[in-house]
Amino acid sequence: MKLVTSTGDFSFYVESITEKVKAFKGSKFKYINLEQTGSIPAFFEEGEGWRKLAEKWAEAAEYAGVKYVVSHAPCLHNPCMGLFNNPEDEEYHRNLRAIRRSIEICHLLGIPRIVVHACCSTEFTKEQLLWYNQKFYTDLLDLAEKYNIWLMTENWDGNQYKFSTGAELREFLDWMDHPLLGACWDTAHGNIDPVARKIGQYENILAIGDKLKGMHISDNFGDTHHHSWPFAGNINFDSVLQGLLDVKYDGFFTFEASYTLLHQNNPPYRRAEFDYKGETVTRLLNPSLELKKRAVDLLYETGKYLLESYGLLEE
């Protein structure tokens, strides 16, 4: 199993996705999760600006000596309720176009799998959840088929969305019954949601079974998103690794653990500024980029330790 980390590791340390990728030059990580999660203007605009982004990202990966192997689509998962009454709902199709472009970019960069969050709302009934997401994923799966790219839906961190346990994901995937639609299990979400946490990481992974095509690995204390590395929270990673073994998982071990060192701008917490003699002192407000790079290398060593302990590491 290949160790992968995310471009979000360098969020707030550098500005653009291009610069985040370049920051991996010299890193122990050689495989990267391209996070297209933010609101990228070119994805919504007319024209070919998004293709130029793909060219820049390809050049950045070549410069850094890394390879993209998985991606995350824009987080446009708040449902457009107007779709229930109007199949041409403008907001829905605007968001859909942005996500489709992220899939096109995966094709251009040779990325075989991409996470696309389901659209969930506390206002949805179970029937509305299924109807909406059947249409949503169907409107994307033609591209998956065209390029042979896996789309992966991901567990949420609140059971009020009816989409947070392994069994709920499996039920939806069996109902959709598409050979290129699978699941990504997020260990952090599975620890935050009380229902999923009670079931356990191992049991949730087993419930997804052979539909499991991606992992998001991070740790927390079950309270909120800490995006910490393993052993910085209370998730038992024996249960995770044994689950991956038992379902014969064939995907990547992808870290979403960008808070290895906490930047002031990492939500949900903020480091308070310090004023001294009328001036704001920022010397130690944030770690340096070089220190962060060392932390990312330690994240690699942590992942290597986990996978080697179960004989799963693939260089």
C-alpha atoms as a PDB file:
ATOM      1  CA  MET A   1       0.000   0.000   0.000  1.00  0.00           C
ATOM      2  CA  LYS A   2       1.418   3.367  -1.011  1.00  0.00           C
ATOM      3  CA  LEU A   3       1.759   6.191   1.505  1.00  0.00           C
ATOM      4  CA  VAL A   4       0.118   9.385   0.289  1.00  0.00           C
ATOM      5  CA  THR A   5      -0.283  12.830   1.788  1.00  0.00           C
ATOM      6  CA  SER A   6      -2.323  15.850   0.768  1.00  0.00           C
ATOM      7  CA  THR A   7      -1.481  19.197  -0.765  1.00  0.00           C
ATOM      8  CA  GLY A   8      -3.318  20.728   2.187  1.00  0.00           C
ATOM      9  CA  ASP A   9      -0.257  19.991   4.330  1.00  0.00           C
ATOM     10  CA  PHE A  10       1.091  23.355   3.221  1.00  0.00           C
ATOM     11  CA  SER A  11      -2.122  25.374   3.390  1.00  0.00           C
ATOM     12  CA  PHE A  12      -1.454  28.859   4.800  1.00  0.00           C
ATOM     13  CA  TYR A  13       2.316  28.333   4.514  1.00  0.00           C
ATOM     14  CA  VAL A  14       2.163  29.110   0.795  1.00  0.00           C
ATOM     15  CA  GLU A  15      -0.637  30.593  -1.273  1.00  0.00           C
ATOM     16  CA  SER A  16      -1.542  28.478  -4.295  1.00  0.00           C
ATOM     17  CA  ILE A  17      -1.975  24.785  -5.034  1.00  0.00           C
ATOM     18  CA  THR A  18       1.008  25.095  -7.366  1.00  0.00           C
ATOM     19  CA  GLU A  19       3.214  26.348  -4.532  1.00  0.00           C
ATOM     20  CA  LYS A  20       1.886  23.685  -2.152  1.00  0.00           C
ATOM     21  CA  VAL A  21       2.959  20.974  -4.577  1.00  0.00           C
ATOM     22  CA  LYS A  22       6.370  22.567  -5.090  1.00  0.00           C
ATOM     23  CA  ALA A  23       6.863  22.579  -1.310  1.00  0.00           C
ATOM     24  CA  PHE A  24       7.120  18.769  -1.453  1.00  0.00           C
ATOM     25  CA  LYS A  25      10.468  18.965  -3.247  1.00  0.00           C
ATOM     26  CA  GLY A  26      12.852  16.843  -1.184  1.00  0.00           C
ATOM     27  CA  SER A  27       9.997  15.343   0.866  1.00  0.00           C
ATOM     28  CA  LYS A  28       9.918  11.694   1.893  1.00  0.00           C
ATOM     29  CA  PHE A  29       6.448  11.536   0.354  1.00  0.00           C
ATOM     30  CA  LYS A  30       6.464  10.683  -3.348  1.00  0.00           C
ATOM     31  CA  TYR A  31       2.701  10.246  -3.834  1.00  0.00           C
ATOM     32  CA  ILE A  32       0.265  13.120  -3.449  1.00  0.00           C
ATOM     33  CA  ASN A  33      -3.461  13.712  -2.983  1.00  0.00           C
ATOM     34  CA  LEU A  34      -4.380  16.731  -5.118  1.00  0.00           C
ATOM     35  CA  GLU A  35      -6.927  18.648  -3.058  1.00  0.00           C
ATOM     36  CA  GLN A  36      -9.157  20.598  -5.430  1.00  0.00           C
ATOM     37  CA  THR A  37     -11.422  21.321  -2.492  1.00  0.00           C
ATOM     38  CA  GLY A  38     -11.434  25.110  -2.358  1.00  0.00           C
ATOM     39  CA  SER A  39     -13.462  27.503  -4.459  1.00  0.00           C
ATOM     40  CA  ILE A  40     -11.266  27.633  -7.560  1.00  0.00           C
ATOM     41  CA  PRO A  41     -12.557  30.477  -9.776  1.00  0.00           C
ATOM     42  CA  ALA A  42     -11.417  28.863 -13.038  1.00  0.00           C
ATOM     43  CA  PHE A  43     -13.697  25.900 -12.353  1.00  0.00           C
ATOM     44  CA  PHE A  44     -16.758  28.155 -12.486  1.00  0.00           C
ATOM     45  CA  GLU A  45     -15.724  30.457 -15.323  1.00  0.00           C
ATOM     46  CA  GLU A  46     -16.251  30.078 -19.038  1.00  0.00           C
ATOM     47  CA  GLY A  47     -13.178  29.283 -21.073  1.00  0.00           C
ATOM     48  CA  GLU A  48     -10.150  27.051 -20.647  1.00  0.00           C
ATOM     49  CA  GLY A  49      -8.546  28.577 -17.561  1.00  0.00           C
ATOM     50  CA  TRP A  50      -8.941  25.306 -15.681  1.00  0.00           C
ATOM     51  CA  ARG A  51      -6.812  23.524 -18.290  1.00  0.00           C
ATOM     52  CA  LYS A  52      -4.012  26.002 -17.671  1.00  0.00           C
ATOM     53  CA  LEU A  53      -4.210  25.146 -13.971  1.00  0.00           C
ATOM     54  CA  ALA A  54      -3.741  21.477 -14.835  1.00  0.00           C
ATOM     55  CA  GLU A  55      -0.626  22.362 -16.828  1.00  0.00           C
ATOM     56  CA  LYS A  56       0.796  24.319 -13.884  1.00  0.00           C
ATOM     57  CA  TRP A  57       0.045  21.479 -11.475  1.00  0.00           C
ATOM     58  CA  ALA A  58       1.719  18.976 -13.787  1.00  0.00           C
ATOM     59  CA  GLU A  59       4.836  21.149 -13.955  1.00  0.00           C
ATOM     60  CA  ALA A  60       4.836  21.585 -10.168  1.00  0.00           C
ATOM     61  CA  ALA A  61       4.703  17.817  -9.604  1.00  0.00           C
ATOM     62  CA  GLU A  62       7.587  17.283 -12.017  1.00  0.00           C
ATOM     63  CA  TYR A  63       9.598  19.967 -10.212  1.00  0.00           C
ATOM     64  CA  ALA A  64       8.906  18.425  -6.796  1.00  0.00           C
ATOM     65  CA  GLY A  65       9.467  14.842  -7.918  1.00  0.00           C
ATOM     66  CA  VAL A  66       6.038  13.655  -6.775  1.00  0.00           C
ATOM     67  CA  LYS A  67       3.165  11.832  -8.464  1.00  0.00           C
ATOM     68  CA  TYR A  68      -0.549  12.530  -8.121  1.00  0.00           C
ATOM     69  CA  VAL A  69      -2.434   9.305  -7.375  1.00  0.00           C
ATOM     70  CA  VAL A  70      -5.725  10.482  -5.871  1.00  0.00           C
ATOM     71  CA  SER A  71      -7.710  13.707  -5.661  1.00  0.00           C
ATOM     72  CA  HIS A  72     -10.549  15.449  -3.855  1.00  0.00           C
ATOM     73  CA  ALA A  73     -13.217  17.323  -5.795  1.00  0.00           C
ATOM     74  CA  PRO A  74     -14.473  20.784  -4.770  1.00  0.00           C
ATOM     75  CA  CYS A  75     -16.543  20.640  -1.592  1.00  0.00           C
ATOM     76  CA  LEU A  76     -19.830  21.736  -3.151  1.00  0.00           C
ATOM     77  CA  HIS A  77     -21.897  19.345  -1.099  1.00  0.00           C
ATOM     78  CA  ASN A  78     -24.601  21.662   0.197  1.00  0.00           C
ATOM     79  CA  PRO A  79     -27.664  20.522  -1.758  1.00  0.00           C
ATOM     80  CA  CYS A  80     -29.404  22.938  -4.104  1.00  0.00           C
ATOM     81  CA  MET A  81     -32.959  22.518  -2.874  1.00  0.00           C
ATOM     82  CA  GLY A  82     -34.364  24.171  -5.997  1.00  0.00           C
ATOM     83  CA  LEU A  83     -33.439  21.042  -7.932  1.00  0.00           C
ATOM     84  CA  PHE A  84     -36.485  19.247  -6.529  1.00  0.00           C
ATOM     85  CA  ASN A  85     -38.752  21.607  -8.479  1.00  0.00           C
ATOM     86  CA  ASN A  86     -36.498  22.643 -11.346  1.00  0.00           C
ATOM     87  CA  PRO A  87     -34.181  20.165 -13.118  1.00  0.00           C
ATOM     88  CA  GLU A  88     -32.378  23.136 -14.688  1.00  0.00           C
ATOM     89  CA  ASP A  89     -31.568  24.748 -11.325  1.00  0.00           C
ATOM     90  CA  GLU A  90     -28.764  27.210 -12.068  1.00  0.00           C
ATOM     91  CA  GLU A  91     -26.786  26.752  -8.853  1.00  0.00           C
ATOM     92  CA  TYR A  92     -26.849  22.965  -9.158  1.00  0.00           C
ATOM     93  CA  HIS A  93     -25.495  23.004 -12.695  1.00  0.00           C
ATOM     94  CA  ARG A  94     -22.883  25.621 -11.815  1.00  0.00           C
ATOM     95  CA  ASN A  95     -21.574  23.412  -9.017  1.00  0.00           C
ATOM     96  CA  LEU A  96     -21.804  20.329 -11.197  1.00  0.00           C
ATOM     97  CA  ARG A  97     -19.659  21.960 -13.873  1.00  0.00           C
ATOM     98  CA  ALA A  98     -16.945  22.738 -11.315  1.00  0.00           C
ATOM     99  CA  ILE A  99     -16.856  19.143 -10.086  1.00  0.00           C
ATOM    100  CA  ARG A 100     -16.831  17.793 -13.635  1.00  0.00           C
ATOM    101  CA  ARG A 101     -13.821  19.964 -14.373  1.00  0.00           C
ATOM    102  CA  SER A 102     -11.999  18.527 -11.374  1.00  0.00           C
ATOM    103  CA  ILE A 103     -12.617  15.063 -12.853  1.00  0.00           C
ATOM    104  CA  GLU A 104     -11.330  16.275 -16.229  1.00  0.00           C
ATOM    105  CA  ILE A 105      -8.181  17.463 -14.459  1.00  0.00           C
ATOM    106  CA  CYS A 106      -7.751  14.006 -12.950  1.00  0.00           C
ATOM    107  CA  HIS A 107      -7.796  12.621 -16.479  1.00  0.00           C
ATOM    108  CA  LEU A 108      -5.214  15.159 -17.665  1.00  0.00           C
ATOM    109  CA  LEU A 109      -2.920  14.380 -14.718  1.00  0.00           C
ATOM    110  CA  GLY A 110      -3.403  10.607 -14.771  1.00  0.00           C
ATOM    111  CA  ILE A 111      -5.188  10.430 -11.406  1.00  0.00           C
ATOM    112  CA  PRO A 112      -7.272   7.224 -11.165  1.00  0.00           C
ATOM    113  CA  ARG A 113      -9.477   8.019  -8.127  1.00  0.00           C
ATOM    114  CA  ILE A 114     -11.254  11.106  -6.808  1.00  0.00           C
ATOM    115  CA  VAL A 115     -13.363  11.744  -3.705  1.00  0.00           C
ATOM    116  CA  VAL A 116     -16.676  13.467  -4.409  1.00  0.00           C
ATOM    117  CA  HIS A 117     -18.750  14.186  -1.302  1.00  0.00           C
ATOM    118  CA  ALA A 118     -22.409  13.268  -1.348  1.00  0.00           C
ATOM    119  CA  CYS A 119     -24.849  16.152  -0.969  1.00  0.00           C
ATOM    120  CA  CYS A 120     -26.432  15.868   2.468  1.00  0.00           C
ATOM    121  CA  SER A 121     -28.772  17.979   4.553  1.00  0.00           C
ATOM    122  CA  THR A 122     -30.537  17.624   7.877  1.00  0.00           C
ATOM    123  CA  GLU A 123     -33.679  18.622   5.963  1.00  0.00           C
ATOM    124  CA  PHE A 124     -33.499  15.519   3.762  1.00  0.00           C
ATOM    125  CA  THR A 125     -35.689  12.525   4.320  1.00  0.00           C
ATOM    126  CA  LYS A 126     -34.046   9.209   3.486  1.00  0.00           C
ATOM    127  CA  GLU A 127     -35.930   9.166   0.184  1.00  0.00           C
ATOM    128  CA  GLN A 128     -34.780  12.693  -0.694  1.00  0.00           C
ATOM    129  CA  LEU A 129     -31.176  11.796   0.156  1.00  0.00           C
ATOM    130  CA  LEU A 130     -31.286   8.853  -2.233  1.00  0.00           C
ATOM    131  CA  TRP A 131     -33.090  10.724  -5.005  1.00  0.00           C
ATOM    132  CA  TYR A 132     -30.795  13.738  -4.913  1.00  0.00           C
ATOM    133  CA  ASN A 133     -27.558  11.790  -4.791  1.00  0.00           C
ATOM    134  CA  GLN A 134     -28.653   9.304  -7.417  1.00  0.00           C
ATOM    135  CA  LYS A 135     -29.069  12.248  -9.796  1.00  0.00           C
ATOM    136  CA  PHE A 136     -25.900  13.961  -8.551  1.00  0.00           C
ATOM    137  CA  TYR A 137     -23.593  10.992  -9.070  1.00  0.00           C
ATOM    138  CA  THR A 138     -25.323   9.940 -12.294  1.00  0.00           C
ATOM    139  CA  ASP A 139     -24.560  13.417 -13.652  1.00  0.00           C
ATOM    140  CA  LEU A 140     -20.859  12.712 -13.020  1.00  0.00           C
ATOM    141  CA  LEU A 141     -20.491   9.040 -13.834  1.00  0.00           C
ATOM    142  CA  ASP A 142     -20.418   9.559 -17.593  1.00  0.00           C
ATOM    143  CA  LEU A 143     -17.003  11.188 -17.124  1.00  0.00           C
ATOM    144  CA  ALA A 144     -15.899   8.394 -14.809  1.00  0.00           C
ATOM    145  CA  GLU A 145     -16.814   5.915 -17.525  1.00  0.00           C
ATOM    146  CA  LYS A 146     -15.168   7.967 -20.269  1.00  0.00           C
ATOM    147  CA  TYR A 147     -11.842   8.164 -18.414  1.00  0.00           C
ATOM    148  CA  ASN A 148     -12.052   5.036 -16.225  1.00  0.00           C
ATOM    149  CA  ILE A 149     -11.777   7.071 -13.018  1.00  0.00           C
ATOM    150  CA  TRP A 150     -13.209   5.893  -9.691  1.00  0.00           C
ATOM    151  CA  LEU A 151     -15.565   8.293  -7.910  1.00  0.00           C
ATOM    152  CA  MET A 152     -15.550   7.800  -4.146  1.00  0.00           C
ATOM    153  CA  THR A 153     -18.257   9.008  -1.801  1.00  0.00           C
ATOM    154  CA  GLU A 154     -17.109   9.718   1.765  1.00  0.00           C
ATOM    155  CA  ASN A 155     -18.630   9.180   5.199  1.00  0.00           C
ATOM    156  CA  TRP A 156     -19.881  12.307   6.941  1.00  0.00           C
ATOM    157  CA  ASP A 157     -19.146  13.246  10.549  1.00  0.00           C
ATOM    158  CA  GLY A 158     -22.758  13.624  11.692  1.00  0.00           C
ATOM    159  CA  ASN A 159     -25.349  10.834  11.642  1.00  0.00           C
ATOM    160  CA  GLN A 160     -28.120  13.371  11.223  1.00  0.00           C
ATOM    161  CA  TYR A 161     -27.072  13.286   7.552  1.00  0.00           C
ATOM    162  CA  LYS A 162     -27.812   9.529   7.329  1.00  0.00           C
ATOM    163  CA  PHE A 163     -24.481   9.005   5.599  1.00  0.00           C
ATOM    164  CA  SER A 164     -21.917   8.440   8.331  1.00  0.00           C
ATOM    165  CA  THR A 165     -21.509   4.691   8.846  1.00  0.00           C
ATOM    166  CA  GLY A 166     -19.992   1.993   6.705  1.00  0.00           C
ATOM    167  CA  ALA A 167     -23.367   0.282   6.408  1.00  0.00           C
ATOM    168  CA  GLU A 168     -25.038   3.490   5.199  1.00  0.00           C
ATOM    169  CA  LEU A 169     -22.382   3.985   2.530  1.00  0.00           C
ATOM    170  CA  ARG A 170     -22.622   0.366   1.434  1.00  0.00           C
ATOM    171  CA  GLU A 171     -26.412   0.543   1.222  1.00  0.00           C
ATOM    172  CA  PHE A 172     -26.176   3.570  -1.069  1.00  0.00           C
ATOM    173  CA  LEU A 173     -23.458   2.029  -3.242  1.00  0.00           C
ATOM    174  CA  ASP A 174     -25.377  -1.226  -3.624  1.00  0.00           C
ATOM    175  CA  TRP A 175     -28.457   0.776  -4.566  1.00  0.00           C
ATOM    176  CA  MET A 176     -26.493   2.755  -7.185  1.00  0.00           C
ATOM    177  CA  ASP A 177     -24.772  -0.420  -8.408  1.00  0.00           C
ATOM    178  CA  HIS A 178     -22.144   1.251 -10.591  1.00  0.00           C
ATOM    179  CA  PRO A 179     -18.722  -0.347 -11.194  1.00  0.00           C
ATOM    180  CA  LEU A 180     -16.857   2.981 -10.840  1.00  0.00           C
ATOM    181  CA  LEU A 181     -18.595   4.307  -7.721  1.00  0.00           C
ATOM    182  CA  GLY A 182     -16.992   3.343  -4.423  1.00  0.00           C
ATOM    183  CA  ALA A 183     -16.354   4.665  -0.929  1.00  0.00           C
ATOM    184  CA  CYS A 184     -13.639   6.552   0.899  1.00  0.00           C
ATOM    185  CA  TRP A 185     -13.558   5.931   4.651  1.00  0.00           C
ATOM    186  CA  ASP A 186     -12.436   8.930   6.692  1.00  0.00           C
ATOM    187  CA  THR A 187     -11.114   7.777  10.068  1.00  0.00           C
ATOM    188  CA  ALA A 188     -11.596  11.224  11.602  1.00  0.00           C
ATOM    189  CA  HIS A 189     -15.251  11.438  10.560  1.00  0.00           C
ATOM    190  CA  GLY A 190     -15.757   7.908  11.853  1.00  0.00           C
ATOM    191  CA  ASN A 191     -14.442   8.991  15.251  1.00  0.00           C
ATOM    192  CA  ILE A 192     -16.434  12.230  15.471  1.00  0.00           C
ATOM    193  CA  ASP A 193     -19.843  10.809  14.618  1.00  0.00           C
ATOM    194  CA  PRO A 194     -21.142   9.069  17.772  1.00  0.00           C
ATOM    195  CA  VAL A 195     -22.993   6.331  15.883  1.00  0.00           C
ATOM    196  CA  ALA A 196     -20.010   5.430  13.700  1.00  0.00           C
ATOM    197  CA  ARG A 197     -17.672   5.651  16.705  1.00  0.00           C
ATOM    198  CA  LYS A 198     -19.803   3.195  18.676  1.00  0.00           C
ATOM    199  CA  ILE A 199     -19.764   0.761  15.748  1.00  0.00           C
ATOM    200  CA  GLY A 200     -15.973   1.027  15.491  1.00  0.00           C
ATOM    201  CA  GLN A 201     -13.468   1.651  12.709  1.00  0.00           C
ATOM    202  CA  TYR A 202     -12.973  -2.055  11.982  1.00  0.00           C
ATOM    203  CA  GLU A 203     -16.670  -2.856  11.715  1.00  0.00           C
ATOM    204  CA  ASN A 204     -17.369   0.171   9.517  1.00  0.00           C
ATOM    205  CA  ILE A 205     -14.575  -0.792   7.142  1.00  0.00           C
ATOM    206  CA  LEU A 206     -15.883  -4.359   6.980  1.00  0.00           C
ATOM    207  CA  ALA A 207     -19.377  -3.086   6.204  1.00  0.00           C
ATOM    208  CA  ILE A 208     -18.071  -1.217   3.156  1.00  0.00           C
ATOM    209  CA  GLY A 209     -16.155  -4.298   2.067  1.00  0.00           C
ATOM    210  CA  ASP A 210     -15.002  -4.491  -1.537  1.00  0.00           C
ATOM    211  CA  LYS A 211     -16.524  -1.087  -2.292  1.00  0.00           C
ATOM    212  CA  LEU A 212     -13.772   0.568  -0.225  1.00  0.00           C
ATOM    213  CA  LYS A 213     -11.540   2.378  -2.709  1.00  0.00           C
ATOM    214  CA  GLY A 214     -10.017   5.191  -0.650  1.00  0.00           C
ATOM    215  CA  MET A 215      -8.930   6.178   2.860  1.00  0.00           C
ATOM    216  CA  HIS A 216      -8.510   9.518   4.595  1.00  0.00           C
ATOM    217  CA  ILE A 217      -6.235   9.049   7.586  1.00  0.00           C
ATOM    218  CA  SER A 218      -6.053  11.430  10.531  1.00  0.00           C
ATOM    219  CA  ASP A 219      -6.636  11.381  14.273  1.00  0.00           C
ATOM    220  CA  ASN A 220      -8.696  13.327  16.802  1.00  0.00           C
ATOM    221  CA  PHE A 221     -10.364  12.964  20.189  1.00  0.00           C
ATOM    222  CA  GLY A 222     -13.871  12.444  18.839  1.00  0.00           C
ATOM    223  CA  ASP A 223     -14.862  16.054  19.454  1.00  0.00           C
ATOM    224  CA  THR A 224     -14.011  17.906  16.244  1.00  0.00           C
ATOM    225  CA  HIS A 225     -11.633  17.944  13.302  1.00  0.00           C
ATOM    226  CA  HIS A 226      -8.052  18.114  14.503  1.00  0.00           C
ATOM    227  CA  HIS A 227      -6.544  16.681  11.290  1.00  0.00           C
ATOM    228  CA  SER A 228      -3.760  15.325  13.470  1.00  0.00           C
ATOM    229  CA  TRP A 229      -1.416  12.496  12.695  1.00  0.00           C
ATOM    230  CA  PRO A 230      -1.911   9.025  14.210  1.00  0.00           C
ATOM    231  CA  PHE A 231      -1.167   8.794  17.946  1.00  0.00           C
ATOM    232  CA  ALA A 232      -2.140  12.451  18.463  1.00  0.00           C
ATOM    233  CA  GLY A 233      -5.712  11.404  19.283  1.00  0.00           C
ATOM    234  CA  ASN A 234      -7.622   8.362  20.500  1.00  0.00           C
ATOM    235  CA  ILE A 235      -8.268   6.374  17.294  1.00  0.00           C
ATOM    236  CA  ASN A 236      -7.007   2.796  17.531  1.00  0.00           C
ATOM    237  CA  PHE A 237      -5.143   2.178  14.292  1.00  0.00           C
ATOM    238  CA  ASP A 238      -4.912  -1.565  14.850  1.00  0.00           C
ATOM    239  CA  SER A 239      -8.636  -1.613  14.097  1.00  0.00           C
ATOM    240  CA  VAL A 240      -8.076   0.398  10.921  1.00  0.00           C
ATOM    241  CA  LEU A 241      -5.177  -1.659   9.550  1.00  0.00           C
ATOM    242  CA  GLN A 242      -6.809  -4.986  10.380  1.00  0.00           C
ATOM    243  CA  GLY A 243      -9.932  -3.834   8.607  1.00  0.00           C
ATOM    244  CA  LEU A 244      -7.957  -2.931   5.492  1.00  0.00           C
ATOM    245  CA  LEU A 245      -6.342  -6.352   5.542  1.00  0.00           C
ATOM    246  CA  ASP A 246      -9.623  -8.189   5.964  1.00  0.00           C
ATOM    247  CA  VAL A 247     -11.397  -6.417   3.080  1.00  0.00           C
ATOM    248  CA  LYS A 248      -8.307  -6.809   0.865  1.00  0.00           C
ATOM    249  CA  TYR A 249      -8.163  -3.047   0.346  1.00  0.00           C
ATOM    250  CA  ASP A 250      -6.440  -2.118  -2.916  1.00  0.00           C
ATOM    251  CA  GLY A 251      -6.221   1.664  -2.567  1.00  0.00           C
ATOM    252  CA  PHE A 252      -3.859   4.227  -1.073  1.00  0.00           C
ATOM    253  CA  PHE A 253      -3.149   5.112   2.559  1.00  0.00           C
ATOM    254  CA  THR A 254      -3.895   8.811   2.226  1.00  0.00           C
ATOM    255  CA  PHE A 255      -3.203  11.263   5.019  1.00  0.00           C
ATOM    256  CA  GLU A 256      -5.511  14.218   5.601  1.00  0.00           C
ATOM    257  CA  ALA A 257      -3.395  15.240   8.572  1.00  0.00           C
ATOM    258  CA  SER A 258      -2.423  18.777   7.696  1.00  0.00           C
ATOM    259  CA  TYR A 259      -2.349  19.930  11.327  1.00  0.00           C
ATOM    260  CA  THR A 260       0.938  18.175  12.074  1.00  0.00           C
ATOM    261  CA  LEU A 261       2.027  21.610  13.193  1.00  0.00           C
ATOM    262  CA  LEU A 262      -0.866  23.972  13.760  1.00  0.00           C
ATOM    263  CA  HIS A 263      -0.887  27.173  11.733  1.00  0.00           C
ATOM    264  CA  GLN A 264      -2.755  30.104  13.222  1.00  0.00           C
ATOM    265  CA  ASN A 265      -5.306  29.944  10.407  1.00  0.00           C
ATOM    266  CA  ASN A 266      -6.119  26.236  10.749  1.00  0.00           C
ATOM    267  CA  PRO A 267      -9.774  25.946  11.878  1.00  0.00           C
ATOM    268  CA  PRO A 268     -11.486  25.513  14.253  1.00  0.00           C
ATOM    269  CA  TYR A 269      -8.990  27.048  16.663  1.00  0.00           C
ATOM    270  CA  ARG A 270      -6.978  30.243  16.416  1.00  0.00           C
ATOM    271  CA  ARG A 271      -3.721  31.058  18.128  1.00  0.00           C
ATOM    272  CA  ALA A 272      -4.029  34.410  19.868  1.00  0.00           C
ATOM    273  CA  GLU A 273      -1.708  37.182  18.799  1.00  0.00           C
ATOM    274  CA  PHE A 274       0.619  38.820  21.318  1.00  0.00           C
ATOM    275  CA  ASP A 275       0.991  42.576  21.643  1.00  0.00           C
ATOM    276  CA  TYR A 276       4.114  43.940  23.276  1.00  0.00           C
ATOM    277  CA  LYS A 277       4.663  47.629  23.877  1.00  0.00           C
ATOM    278  CA  GLY A 278       2.014  48.550  21.350  1.00  0.00           C
ATOM    279  CA  GLU A 279       3.213  46.230  18.599  1.00  0.00           C
ATOM    280  CA  THR A 280       2.018  42.805  17.515  1.00  0.00           C
ATOM    281  CA  VAL A 281       4.779  40.218  17.838  1.00  0.00           C
ATOM    282  CA  THR A 282       4.574  37.435  15.223  1.00  0.00           C
ATOM    283  CA  ARG A 283       8.021  35.853  15.498  1.00  0.00           C
ATOM    284  CA  LEU A 284       6.599  32.585  16.849  1.00  0.00           C
ATOM    285  CA  LEU A 285       2.982  32.976  15.806  1.00  0.00           C
ATOM    286  CA  ASN A 286       3.408  30.197  13.241  1.00  0.00           C
ATOM    287  CA  PRO A 287       5.955  27.479  12.491  1.00  0.00           C
ATOM    288  CA  SER A 288       8.348  28.216   9.671  1.00  0.00           C
ATOM    289  CA  LEU A 289       7.893  26.516   6.317  1.00  0.00           C
ATOM    290  CA  GLU A 290      11.125  24.575   6.856  1.00  0.00           C
ATOM    291  CA  LEU A 291       9.939  23.299  10.238  1.00  0.00           C
ATOM    292  CA  LYS A 292       6.623  22.299   8.674  1.00  0.00           C
ATOM    293  CA  LYS A 293       8.482  20.323   5.990  1.00  0.00           C
ATOM    294  CA  ARG A 294      10.265  18.379   8.731  1.00  0.00           C
ATOM    295  CA  ALA A 295       6.911  17.656  10.352  1.00  0.00           C
ATOM    296  CA  VAL A 296       5.591  16.321   7.041  1.00  0.00           C
ATOM    297  CA  ASP A 297       8.595  13.991   6.865  1.00  0.00           C
ATOM    298  CA  LEU A 298       7.771  12.779  10.376  1.00  0.00           C
ATOM    299  CA  LEU A 299       4.206  12.189   9.178  1.00  0.00           C
ATOM    300  CA  TYR A 300       5.682   9.924   6.501  1.00  0.00           C
ATOM    301  CA  GLU A 301       7.681   8.021   9.120  1.00  0.00           C
ATOM    302  CA  THR A 302       4.523   7.607  11.202  1.00  0.00           C
ATOM    303  CA  GLY A 303       2.643   6.175   8.235  1.00  0.00           C
ATOM    304  CA  LYS A 304       5.562   3.927   7.385  1.00  0.00           C
ATOM    305  CA  TYR A 305       5.527   2.584  10.945  1.00  0.00           C
ATOM    306  CA  LEU A 306       1.798   1.817  10.715  1.00  0.00           C
ATOM    307  CA  LEU A 307       1.986   0.037   7.373  1.00  0.00           C
ATOM    308  CA  GLU A 308       5.194  -1.870   8.109  1.00  0.00           C
ATOM    309  CA  SER A 309       3.650  -3.136  11.337  1.00  0.00           C
ATOM    310  CA  TYR A 310       1.062  -4.963   9.212  1.00  0.00           C
ATOM    311  CA  GLY A 311       3.330  -5.818   6.291  1.00  0.00           C
ATOM    312  CA  LEU A 312       1.462  -3.458   3.985  1.00  0.00           C
ATOM    313  CA  LEU A 313       4.030  -0.827   2.968  1.00  0.00           C
ATOM    314  CA  GLU A 314       4.598  -0.462  -0.751  1.00  0.00           C
ATOM    315  CA  GLU A 315       7.348   1.941  -1.758  1.00  0.00           C
END
